[in-house]
Amino acid sequence: MRLLKLGKTTAILMALGLSTLSLADDKSLLDRAYQDEWKAKSRYEAVLTLFGSMRPFSMLTQAESRHLALLEESYRVKGLIAPRLLKLDQKTYQSAKDACTDSLLAEKANVALYDELLTETSDENLVHVFSILRDASLNRHIPALERCQSGCPMNNNTACPGLGRGPGKGRGQRASGA
């Protein structure tokens, strides 16, 4: 009889009656999410290199770093190692508006990816993490890129009429009596 040398994580999972197959599936799902977030961060850094610091790309770059950190924590919790990521070829854009359009399409694809990943796992931690990342793309990144695509705001960080959150609705006005 041949004895198998098991890794620590595999041995623990087997002792708990859990399959290493689910761990491999989790790794595959995490890898897909991680690589997509890495592509997004690389895209936004390329835009900043081409056009200088501008919103929403400066903010999106920071957000993608947080997304990668959240996924790295998920790898760590599961005893997995995040893939080594290679530097991607930077795409060039003719204009910032072109970068907004391309990024908007990529963020919509990101939401679709997370919709798919959510159907492929029942792991509570992954469902939670994937939901957070999906919602960030859907509720924050896409609206920011839609504003960017419409030309508002860009480098000067000026507000767009009707898009502010305060009583001035983006016009820099205070509520009457304030």
N, C-alpha and C. Protein backbone atom coordinates (compact mmCIF):
# COMPACT_ATOMS: atom_id res chain seq x y z
N MET A 1 0.85 -1.17 0.00
CA MET A 1 0.00 0.00 0.00
C MET A 1 0.89 1.24 0.00
N ARG A 2 0.53 2.17 -0.78
CA ARG A 2 1.32 3.39 -0.93
C ARG A 2 0.71 4.52 -0.11
N LEU A 3 1.49 5.20 0.67
CA LEU A 3 1.00 6.32 1.46
C LEU A 3 1.22 7.61 0.69
N LEU A 4 0.22 8.46 0.74
CA LEU A 4 0.32 9.76 0.09
C LEU A 4 0.81 10.80 1.08
N LYS A 5 1.69 11.62 0.64
CA LYS A 5 2.14 12.73 1.48
C LYS A 5 1.18 13.89 1.22
N LEU A 6 0.45 14.27 2.25
CA LEU A 6 -0.54 15.33 2.10
C LEU A 6 -0.01 16.65 2.63
N GLY A 7 -0.40 17.71 1.98
CA GLY A 7 -0.09 19.03 2.48
C GLY A 7 -0.93 19.30 3.73
N LYS A 8 -0.51 20.25 4.52
CA LYS A 8 -1.20 20.56 5.76
C LYS A 8 -2.66 20.95 5.51
N THR A 9 -2.88 21.81 4.52
CA THR A 9 -4.24 22.26 4.21
C THR A 9 -5.10 21.09 3.77
N THR A 10 -4.57 20.25 2.89
CA THR A 10 -5.31 19.08 2.40
C THR A 10 -5.66 18.15 3.56
N ALA A 11 -4.71 17.90 4.44
CA ALA A 11 -4.95 17.01 5.58
C ALA A 11 -6.05 17.57 6.48
N ILE A 12 -6.04 18.86 6.74
CA ILE A 12 -7.07 19.49 7.57
C ILE A 12 -8.43 19.37 6.91
N LEU A 13 -8.47 19.66 5.61
CA LEU A 13 -9.74 19.57 4.89
C LEU A 13 -10.30 18.15 4.92
N MET A 14 -9.43 17.18 4.71
CA MET A 14 -9.88 15.79 4.71
C MET A 14 -10.36 15.39 6.11
N ALA A 15 -9.68 15.87 7.15
CA ALA A 15 -10.09 15.56 8.52
C ALA A 15 -11.47 16.15 8.82
N LEU A 16 -11.76 17.28 8.20
CA LEU A 16 -13.06 17.92 8.39
C LEU A 16 -14.12 17.35 7.45
N GLY A 17 -13.70 16.43 6.59
CA GLY A 17 -14.65 15.84 5.65
C GLY A 17 -14.90 16.70 4.44
N LEU A 18 -14.02 17.65 4.18
CA LEU A 18 -14.18 18.54 3.04
C LEU A 18 -13.31 18.06 1.89
N SER A 19 -13.75 18.33 0.71
CA SER A 19 -13.03 17.89 -0.49
C SER A 19 -11.98 18.90 -0.88
N THR A 20 -10.84 18.39 -1.32
CA THR A 20 -9.82 19.29 -1.87
C THR A 20 -10.26 19.79 -3.24
N LEU A 21 -11.23 19.09 -3.83
CA LEU A 21 -11.76 19.55 -5.11
C LEU A 21 -12.40 20.92 -4.95
N SER A 22 -13.14 21.13 -3.84
CA SER A 22 -13.75 22.44 -3.64
C SER A 22 -12.68 23.52 -3.44
N LEU A 23 -11.57 23.15 -2.83
CA LEU A 23 -10.47 24.09 -2.65
C LEU A 23 -9.87 24.47 -4.01
N ALA A 24 -9.74 23.49 -4.89
CA ALA A 24 -9.23 23.76 -6.24
C ALA A 24 -10.21 24.65 -7.00
N ASP A 25 -11.51 24.39 -6.83
CA ASP A 25 -12.52 25.22 -7.46
C ASP A 25 -12.45 26.65 -6.93
N ASP A 26 -12.30 26.78 -5.60
CA ASP A 26 -12.18 28.10 -5.00
C ASP A 26 -10.98 28.85 -5.57
N LYS A 27 -9.87 28.16 -5.71
CA LYS A 27 -8.66 28.78 -6.25
C LYS A 27 -8.92 29.27 -7.67
N SER A 28 -9.57 28.47 -8.47
CA SER A 28 -9.86 28.85 -9.84
C SER A 28 -10.75 30.10 -9.89
N LEU A 29 -11.76 30.15 -9.03
CA LEU A 29 -12.64 31.32 -8.99
C LEU A 29 -11.89 32.55 -8.52
N LEU A 30 -11.11 32.39 -7.46
CA LEU A 30 -10.31 33.51 -6.97
C LEU A 30 -9.33 34.00 -8.02
N ASP A 31 -8.70 33.06 -8.73
CA ASP A 31 -7.73 33.44 -9.77
C ASP A 31 -8.39 34.28 -10.86
N ARG A 32 -9.60 33.88 -11.27
CA ARG A 32 -10.30 34.64 -12.31
C ARG A 32 -10.61 36.06 -11.83
N ALA A 33 -11.09 36.17 -10.60
CA ALA A 33 -11.40 37.49 -10.05
C ALA A 33 -10.13 38.32 -9.90
N TYR A 34 -9.08 37.71 -9.37
CA TYR A 34 -7.82 38.41 -9.11
C TYR A 34 -7.22 38.94 -10.41
N GLN A 35 -7.22 38.11 -11.44
CA GLN A 35 -6.64 38.54 -12.72
C GLN A 35 -7.45 39.67 -13.34
N ASP A 36 -8.77 39.63 -13.18
CA ASP A 36 -9.60 40.70 -13.74
C ASP A 36 -9.37 42.01 -12.99
N GLU A 37 -9.24 41.94 -11.67
CA GLU A 37 -8.96 43.16 -10.90
C GLU A 37 -7.57 43.71 -11.25
N TRP A 38 -6.62 42.81 -11.47
CA TRP A 38 -5.27 43.23 -11.86
C TRP A 38 -5.30 43.95 -13.22
N LYS A 39 -6.06 43.40 -14.16
CA LYS A 39 -6.18 44.04 -15.47
C LYS A 39 -6.77 45.44 -15.34
N ALA A 40 -7.78 45.57 -14.49
CA ALA A 40 -8.41 46.88 -14.28
C ALA A 40 -7.40 47.88 -13.70
N LYS A 41 -6.68 47.45 -12.68
CA LYS A 41 -5.69 48.34 -12.07
C LYS A 41 -4.63 48.74 -13.09
N SER A 42 -4.17 47.79 -13.88
CA SER A 42 -3.16 48.09 -14.91
C SER A 42 -3.70 49.06 -15.94
N ARG A 43 -4.98 48.89 -16.33
CA ARG A 43 -5.60 49.78 -17.31
C ARG A 43 -5.64 51.21 -16.75
N TYR A 44 -6.08 51.34 -15.51
CA TYR A 44 -6.21 52.67 -14.92
C TYR A 44 -4.84 53.33 -14.73
N GLU A 45 -3.84 52.55 -14.35
CA GLU A 45 -2.48 53.10 -14.23
C GLU A 45 -1.97 53.57 -15.59
N ALA A 46 -2.30 52.84 -16.65
CA ALA A 46 -1.89 53.24 -18.00
C ALA A 46 -2.52 54.57 -18.39
N VAL A 47 -3.78 54.74 -18.03
CA VAL A 47 -4.47 56.01 -18.34
C VAL A 47 -3.79 57.16 -17.59
N LEU A 48 -3.44 56.93 -16.34
CA LEU A 48 -2.76 57.98 -15.56
C LEU A 48 -1.40 58.31 -16.15
N THR A 49 -0.71 57.29 -16.67
CA THR A 49 0.58 57.52 -17.31
C THR A 49 0.41 58.35 -18.58
N LEU A 50 -0.62 58.06 -19.33
CA LEU A 50 -0.86 58.78 -20.60
C LEU A 50 -1.34 60.21 -20.40
N PHE A 51 -2.28 60.40 -19.47
CA PHE A 51 -2.96 61.69 -19.37
C PHE A 51 -2.71 62.44 -18.07
N GLY A 52 -1.90 61.89 -17.18
CA GLY A 52 -1.66 62.54 -15.90
C GLY A 52 -2.77 62.22 -14.92
N SER A 53 -2.62 62.72 -13.72
CA SER A 53 -3.58 62.44 -12.67
C SER A 53 -4.93 63.05 -13.01
N MET A 54 -5.93 62.22 -13.05
CA MET A 54 -7.28 62.69 -13.35
C MET A 54 -8.29 61.72 -12.75
N ARG A 55 -9.40 62.27 -12.36
CA ARG A 55 -10.51 61.45 -11.91
C ARG A 55 -11.30 61.01 -13.12
N PRO A 56 -11.89 59.86 -13.11
CA PRO A 56 -12.00 58.95 -11.98
C PRO A 56 -10.85 57.96 -11.87
N PHE A 57 -9.87 58.02 -12.79
CA PHE A 57 -8.85 56.98 -12.86
C PHE A 57 -7.94 56.95 -11.63
N SER A 58 -7.65 58.10 -11.05
CA SER A 58 -6.83 58.10 -9.85
C SER A 58 -7.56 57.39 -8.70
N MET A 59 -8.85 57.62 -8.61
CA MET A 59 -9.64 56.97 -7.56
C MET A 59 -9.85 55.48 -7.86
N LEU A 60 -10.05 55.16 -9.12
CA LEU A 60 -10.26 53.76 -9.51
C LEU A 60 -9.00 52.93 -9.27
N THR A 61 -7.84 53.51 -9.50
CA THR A 61 -6.59 52.79 -9.25
C THR A 61 -6.49 52.41 -7.77
N GLN A 62 -6.83 53.34 -6.91
CA GLN A 62 -6.83 53.06 -5.46
C GLN A 62 -7.86 51.98 -5.12
N ALA A 63 -9.03 52.06 -5.72
CA ALA A 63 -10.08 51.07 -5.45
C ALA A 63 -9.64 49.68 -5.89
N GLU A 64 -9.00 49.59 -7.05
CA GLU A 64 -8.55 48.27 -7.53
C GLU A 64 -7.47 47.70 -6.62
N SER A 65 -6.64 48.55 -6.05
CA SER A 65 -5.65 48.07 -5.07
C SER A 65 -6.35 47.46 -3.85
N ARG A 66 -7.42 48.11 -3.40
CA ARG A 66 -8.18 47.57 -2.27
C ARG A 66 -8.86 46.25 -2.65
N HIS A 67 -9.35 46.17 -3.88
CA HIS A 67 -9.99 44.93 -4.33
C HIS A 67 -8.98 43.78 -4.35
N LEU A 68 -7.79 44.06 -4.86
CA LEU A 68 -6.74 43.04 -4.88
C LEU A 68 -6.39 42.60 -3.46
N ALA A 69 -6.31 43.55 -2.54
CA ALA A 69 -5.98 43.22 -1.15
C ALA A 69 -7.08 42.34 -0.53
N LEU A 70 -8.33 42.62 -0.84
CA LEU A 70 -9.43 41.82 -0.33
C LEU A 70 -9.35 40.39 -0.87
N LEU A 71 -9.05 40.25 -2.14
CA LEU A 71 -8.90 38.92 -2.72
C LEU A 71 -7.68 38.20 -2.15
N GLU A 72 -6.58 38.94 -1.93
CA GLU A 72 -5.39 38.33 -1.33
C GLU A 72 -5.70 37.79 0.07
N GLU A 73 -6.52 38.50 0.81
CA GLU A 73 -6.93 38.02 2.13
C GLU A 73 -7.75 36.74 2.00
N SER A 74 -8.58 36.65 0.98
CA SER A 74 -9.36 35.42 0.76
C SER A 74 -8.45 34.25 0.44
N TYR A 75 -7.43 34.49 -0.36
CA TYR A 75 -6.44 33.43 -0.61
C TYR A 75 -5.80 32.99 0.70
N ARG A 76 -5.38 33.97 1.51
CA ARG A 76 -4.68 33.67 2.76
C ARG A 76 -5.57 32.85 3.70
N VAL A 77 -6.82 33.24 3.84
CA VAL A 77 -7.75 32.55 4.73
C VAL A 77 -7.93 31.10 4.30
N LYS A 78 -7.90 30.85 3.01
CA LYS A 78 -8.08 29.49 2.50
C LYS A 78 -6.78 28.72 2.40
N GLY A 79 -5.66 29.34 2.77
CA GLY A 79 -4.37 28.66 2.69
C GLY A 79 -3.87 28.53 1.27
N LEU A 80 -4.33 29.43 0.42
CA LEU A 80 -3.94 29.42 -1.00
C LEU A 80 -2.98 30.55 -1.29
N ILE A 81 -2.34 30.48 -2.42
CA ILE A 81 -1.40 31.52 -2.84
C ILE A 81 -1.96 32.20 -4.08
N ALA A 82 -1.98 33.53 -4.05
CA ALA A 82 -2.44 34.30 -5.20
C ALA A 82 -1.46 34.09 -6.36
N PRO A 83 -1.97 34.13 -7.58
CA PRO A 83 -1.07 33.92 -8.73
C PRO A 83 -0.08 35.07 -8.88
N ARG A 84 1.05 34.74 -9.43
CA ARG A 84 2.04 35.77 -9.76
C ARG A 84 1.55 36.47 -11.02
N LEU A 85 1.44 37.76 -10.93
CA LEU A 85 0.91 38.52 -12.05
C LEU A 85 2.03 39.20 -12.81
N LEU A 86 1.95 39.12 -14.10
CA LEU A 86 2.95 39.73 -14.95
C LEU A 86 2.49 41.12 -15.36
N LYS A 87 3.44 41.96 -15.66
CA LYS A 87 3.11 43.29 -16.14
C LYS A 87 2.41 43.16 -17.48
N LEU A 88 1.28 43.82 -17.61
CA LEU A 88 0.51 43.75 -18.83
C LEU A 88 0.96 44.82 -19.82
N ASP A 89 0.80 44.54 -21.09
CA ASP A 89 1.05 45.57 -22.09
C ASP A 89 0.04 46.69 -21.88
N GLN A 90 0.55 47.91 -21.84
CA GLN A 90 -0.35 49.03 -21.61
C GLN A 90 -1.01 49.44 -22.91
N LYS A 91 -2.32 49.56 -22.84
CA LYS A 91 -3.10 49.98 -23.98
C LYS A 91 -2.95 51.50 -24.11
N THR A 92 -2.91 51.97 -25.32
CA THR A 92 -2.86 53.42 -25.52
C THR A 92 -4.22 53.90 -26.00
N TYR A 93 -4.55 55.09 -25.62
CA TYR A 93 -5.83 55.69 -25.97
C TYR A 93 -5.56 57.02 -26.67
N GLN A 94 -6.40 57.35 -27.62
CA GLN A 94 -6.28 58.62 -28.33
C GLN A 94 -6.73 59.79 -27.44
N SER A 95 -7.67 59.50 -26.56
CA SER A 95 -8.19 60.55 -25.70
C SER A 95 -8.63 59.95 -24.37
N ALA A 96 -8.82 60.83 -23.41
CA ALA A 96 -9.33 60.38 -22.10
C ALA A 96 -10.74 59.82 -22.25
N LYS A 97 -11.52 60.39 -23.14
CA LYS A 97 -12.88 59.89 -23.36
C LYS A 97 -12.84 58.45 -23.89
N ASP A 98 -11.88 58.14 -24.78
CA ASP A 98 -11.73 56.77 -25.26
C ASP A 98 -11.38 55.83 -24.10
N ALA A 99 -10.54 56.30 -23.20
CA ALA A 99 -10.18 55.50 -22.02
C ALA A 99 -11.41 55.27 -21.15
N CYS A 100 -12.25 56.29 -21.02
CA CYS A 100 -13.48 56.15 -20.24
C CYS A 100 -14.40 55.11 -20.86
N THR A 101 -14.54 55.17 -22.18
CA THR A 101 -15.42 54.23 -22.88
C THR A 101 -14.92 52.80 -22.73
N ASP A 102 -13.63 52.59 -22.96
CA ASP A 102 -13.05 51.25 -22.83
C ASP A 102 -13.17 50.74 -21.40
N SER A 103 -12.91 51.60 -20.44
CA SER A 103 -12.98 51.22 -19.03
C SER A 103 -14.41 50.91 -18.60
N LEU A 104 -15.36 51.66 -19.13
CA LEU A 104 -16.77 51.42 -18.83
C LEU A 104 -17.18 50.03 -19.31
N LEU A 105 -16.78 49.69 -20.52
CA LEU A 105 -17.08 48.35 -21.05
C LEU A 105 -16.43 47.26 -20.18
N ALA A 106 -15.19 47.50 -19.75
CA ALA A 106 -14.48 46.53 -18.92
C ALA A 106 -15.16 46.37 -17.56
N GLU A 107 -15.64 47.46 -16.97
CA GLU A 107 -16.33 47.37 -15.67
C GLU A 107 -17.66 46.63 -15.81
N LYS A 108 -18.34 46.82 -16.93
CA LYS A 108 -19.59 46.07 -17.16
C LYS A 108 -19.27 44.58 -17.31
N ALA A 109 -18.19 44.27 -17.97
CA ALA A 109 -17.75 42.87 -18.09
C ALA A 109 -17.36 42.32 -16.72
N ASN A 110 -16.79 43.17 -15.86
CA ASN A 110 -16.42 42.77 -14.51
C ASN A 110 -17.66 42.37 -13.71
N VAL A 111 -18.73 43.15 -13.84
CA VAL A 111 -19.98 42.81 -13.16
C VAL A 111 -20.49 41.46 -13.65
N ALA A 112 -20.43 41.24 -14.96
CA ALA A 112 -20.88 39.96 -15.54
C ALA A 112 -20.01 38.80 -15.02
N LEU A 113 -18.71 39.04 -14.90
CA LEU A 113 -17.81 38.02 -14.36
C LEU A 113 -18.23 37.64 -12.94
N TYR A 114 -18.46 38.65 -12.10
CA TYR A 114 -18.86 38.35 -10.72
C TYR A 114 -20.23 37.69 -10.66
N ASP A 115 -21.15 38.06 -11.55
CA ASP A 115 -22.43 37.36 -11.62
C ASP A 115 -22.20 35.88 -11.88
N GLU A 116 -21.29 35.58 -12.79
CA GLU A 116 -20.97 34.19 -13.12
C GLU A 116 -20.29 33.49 -11.94
N LEU A 117 -19.30 34.14 -11.34
CA LEU A 117 -18.58 33.53 -10.22
C LEU A 117 -19.53 33.24 -9.05
N LEU A 118 -20.48 34.12 -8.83
CA LEU A 118 -21.43 33.93 -7.73
C LEU A 118 -22.31 32.70 -7.95
N THR A 119 -22.53 32.32 -9.20
CA THR A 119 -23.32 31.11 -9.46
C THR A 119 -22.48 29.85 -9.33
N GLU A 120 -21.17 30.01 -9.29
CA GLU A 120 -20.26 28.86 -9.27
C GLU A 120 -19.73 28.50 -7.88
N THR A 121 -20.15 29.25 -6.86
CA THR A 121 -19.66 28.94 -5.51
C THR A 121 -20.80 29.03 -4.51
N SER A 122 -20.69 28.22 -3.48
CA SER A 122 -21.61 28.34 -2.35
C SER A 122 -20.84 28.70 -1.08
N ASP A 123 -19.53 28.89 -1.23
CA ASP A 123 -18.68 29.27 -0.10
C ASP A 123 -19.10 30.66 0.39
N GLU A 124 -19.49 30.76 1.65
CA GLU A 124 -20.00 32.02 2.19
C GLU A 124 -19.00 33.16 2.08
N ASN A 125 -17.73 32.88 2.35
CA ASN A 125 -16.70 33.92 2.27
C ASN A 125 -16.58 34.43 0.84
N LEU A 126 -16.52 33.52 -0.11
CA LEU A 126 -16.38 33.94 -1.51
C LEU A 126 -17.62 34.68 -2.00
N VAL A 127 -18.79 34.22 -1.61
CA VAL A 127 -20.03 34.91 -1.99
C VAL A 127 -19.98 36.34 -1.45
N HIS A 128 -19.55 36.49 -0.21
CA HIS A 128 -19.47 37.83 0.41
C HIS A 128 -18.46 38.71 -0.33
N VAL A 129 -17.27 38.19 -0.57
CA VAL A 129 -16.21 38.97 -1.23
C VAL A 129 -16.62 39.32 -2.67
N PHE A 130 -17.10 38.33 -3.42
CA PHE A 130 -17.49 38.57 -4.81
C PHE A 130 -18.64 39.57 -4.88
N SER A 131 -19.56 39.51 -3.93
CA SER A 131 -20.68 40.46 -3.90
C SER A 131 -20.19 41.88 -3.64
N ILE A 132 -19.25 42.03 -2.72
CA ILE A 132 -18.69 43.35 -2.43
C ILE A 132 -18.03 43.93 -3.69
N LEU A 133 -17.24 43.11 -4.36
CA LEU A 133 -16.51 43.58 -5.54
C LEU A 133 -17.46 43.87 -6.71
N ARG A 134 -18.46 43.02 -6.88
CA ARG A 134 -19.46 43.24 -7.93
C ARG A 134 -20.19 44.56 -7.68
N ASP A 135 -20.62 44.75 -6.43
CA ASP A 135 -21.37 45.96 -6.09
C ASP A 135 -20.53 47.22 -6.26
N ALA A 136 -19.24 47.13 -5.97
CA ALA A 136 -18.36 48.29 -6.17
C ALA A 136 -18.32 48.67 -7.64
N SER A 137 -18.19 47.69 -8.51
CA SER A 137 -18.18 47.98 -9.95
C SER A 137 -19.52 48.55 -10.40
N LEU A 138 -20.59 47.91 -9.98
CA LEU A 138 -21.93 48.30 -10.43
C LEU A 138 -22.35 49.66 -9.89
N ASN A 139 -22.11 49.91 -8.62
CA ASN A 139 -22.66 51.10 -7.97
C ASN A 139 -21.70 52.28 -7.88
N ARG A 140 -20.40 52.05 -8.10
CA ARG A 140 -19.44 53.13 -8.00
C ARG A 140 -18.62 53.33 -9.27
N HIS A 141 -18.02 52.27 -9.75
CA HIS A 141 -17.12 52.41 -10.90
C HIS A 141 -17.88 52.75 -12.18
N ILE A 142 -18.95 52.04 -12.44
CA ILE A 142 -19.72 52.28 -13.67
C ILE A 142 -20.30 53.70 -13.68
N PRO A 143 -20.95 54.17 -12.61
CA PRO A 143 -21.45 55.55 -12.65
C PRO A 143 -20.32 56.58 -12.83
N ALA A 144 -19.18 56.36 -12.20
CA ALA A 144 -18.05 57.30 -12.35
C ALA A 144 -17.57 57.32 -13.80
N LEU A 145 -17.51 56.16 -14.41
CA LEU A 145 -17.04 56.08 -15.80
C LEU A 145 -18.10 56.61 -16.78
N GLU A 146 -19.35 56.48 -16.44
CA GLU A 146 -20.41 57.09 -17.27
C GLU A 146 -20.29 58.61 -17.24
N ARG A 147 -20.02 59.17 -16.06
CA ARG A 147 -19.81 60.62 -15.96
C ARG A 147 -18.56 61.01 -16.76
N CYS A 148 -17.52 60.20 -16.62
CA CYS A 148 -16.27 60.45 -17.34
C CYS A 148 -16.52 60.43 -18.85
N GLN A 149 -17.27 59.46 -19.31
CA GLN A 149 -17.55 59.32 -20.73
C GLN A 149 -18.33 60.53 -21.26
N SER A 150 -19.16 61.11 -20.41
CA SER A 150 -19.92 62.28 -20.83
C SER A 150 -19.08 63.55 -20.75
N GLY A 151 -17.83 63.40 -20.29
CA GLY A 151 -16.91 64.54 -20.21
C GLY A 151 -16.95 65.27 -18.89
N CYS A 152 -17.49 64.64 -17.86
CA CYS A 152 -17.70 65.33 -16.62
C CYS A 152 -17.49 64.39 -15.43
N PRO A 153 -16.66 64.62 -14.47
CA PRO A 153 -15.57 65.57 -14.46
C PRO A 153 -14.31 64.94 -15.04
N MET A 154 -13.38 65.75 -15.40
CA MET A 154 -12.11 65.26 -15.91
C MET A 154 -10.99 65.86 -15.07
N ASN A 155 -9.98 66.41 -15.71
CA ASN A 155 -8.80 66.88 -14.98
C ASN A 155 -9.06 67.95 -13.93
N ASN A 156 -9.96 68.86 -14.19
CA ASN A 156 -10.10 69.99 -13.29
C ASN A 156 -11.00 69.71 -12.09
N ASN A 157 -11.54 68.51 -12.00
CA ASN A 157 -12.38 68.11 -10.86
C ASN A 157 -13.56 69.03 -10.63
N THR A 158 -14.02 69.70 -11.68
CA THR A 158 -15.19 70.54 -11.53
C THR A 158 -16.43 69.67 -11.44
N ALA A 159 -17.42 70.18 -10.78
CA ALA A 159 -18.65 69.42 -10.62
C ALA A 159 -19.51 69.57 -11.86
N CYS A 160 -20.36 68.61 -12.09
CA CYS A 160 -21.29 68.65 -13.21
C CYS A 160 -22.66 69.02 -12.68
N PRO A 161 -23.36 69.89 -13.37
CA PRO A 161 -24.68 70.28 -12.90
C PRO A 161 -25.57 69.06 -12.66
N GLY A 162 -26.20 69.07 -11.49
CA GLY A 162 -27.14 68.00 -11.18
C GLY A 162 -26.50 66.73 -10.65
N LEU A 163 -25.18 66.67 -10.58
CA LEU A 163 -24.54 65.44 -10.14
C LEU A 163 -23.97 65.52 -8.73
N GLY A 164 -24.04 66.69 -8.12
CA GLY A 164 -23.52 66.81 -6.76
C GLY A 164 -24.42 66.11 -5.77
N ARG A 165 -23.89 65.85 -4.59
CA ARG A 165 -24.66 65.16 -3.56
C ARG A 165 -25.29 66.14 -2.58
N GLY A 166 -24.80 67.35 -2.56
CA GLY A 166 -25.29 68.32 -1.59
C GLY A 166 -26.47 69.11 -2.12
N PRO A 167 -26.91 70.11 -1.35
CA PRO A 167 -28.09 70.89 -1.73
C PRO A 167 -27.87 71.72 -3.00
N GLY A 168 -26.62 71.98 -3.36
CA GLY A 168 -26.35 72.76 -4.58
C GLY A 168 -26.40 71.94 -5.85
N LYS A 169 -26.58 70.62 -5.73
CA LYS A 169 -26.68 69.71 -6.87
C LYS A 169 -25.54 69.86 -7.86
N GLY A 170 -24.32 70.05 -7.32
CA GLY A 170 -23.15 70.11 -8.17
C GLY A 170 -22.85 71.48 -8.73
N ARG A 171 -23.62 72.49 -8.32
CA ARG A 171 -23.41 73.83 -8.83
C ARG A 171 -22.62 74.70 -7.86
N GLY A 172 -22.16 74.10 -6.77
CA GLY A 172 -21.36 74.85 -5.80
C GLY A 172 -22.18 75.84 -5.01
N GLN A 173 -23.49 75.66 -4.96
CA GLN A 173 -24.37 76.60 -4.24
C GLN A 173 -24.81 75.97 -2.93
N ARG A 174 -24.94 76.81 -1.95
CA ARG A 174 -25.44 76.33 -0.66
C ARG A 174 -26.96 76.42 -0.66
N ALA A 175 -27.56 75.63 0.19
CA ALA A 175 -29.01 75.70 0.34
C ALA A 175 -29.37 77.08 0.87
N SER A 176 -30.51 77.63 0.49
CA SER A 176 -30.90 78.96 0.94
C SER A 176 -30.99 78.97 2.47
N GLY A 177 -30.48 80.04 3.02
CA GLY A 177 -30.46 80.20 4.47
C GLY A 177 -29.26 79.55 5.12
N ALA A 178 -28.33 78.97 4.33
CA ALA A 178 -27.19 78.29 4.92
C ALA A 178 -26.01 79.21 5.02
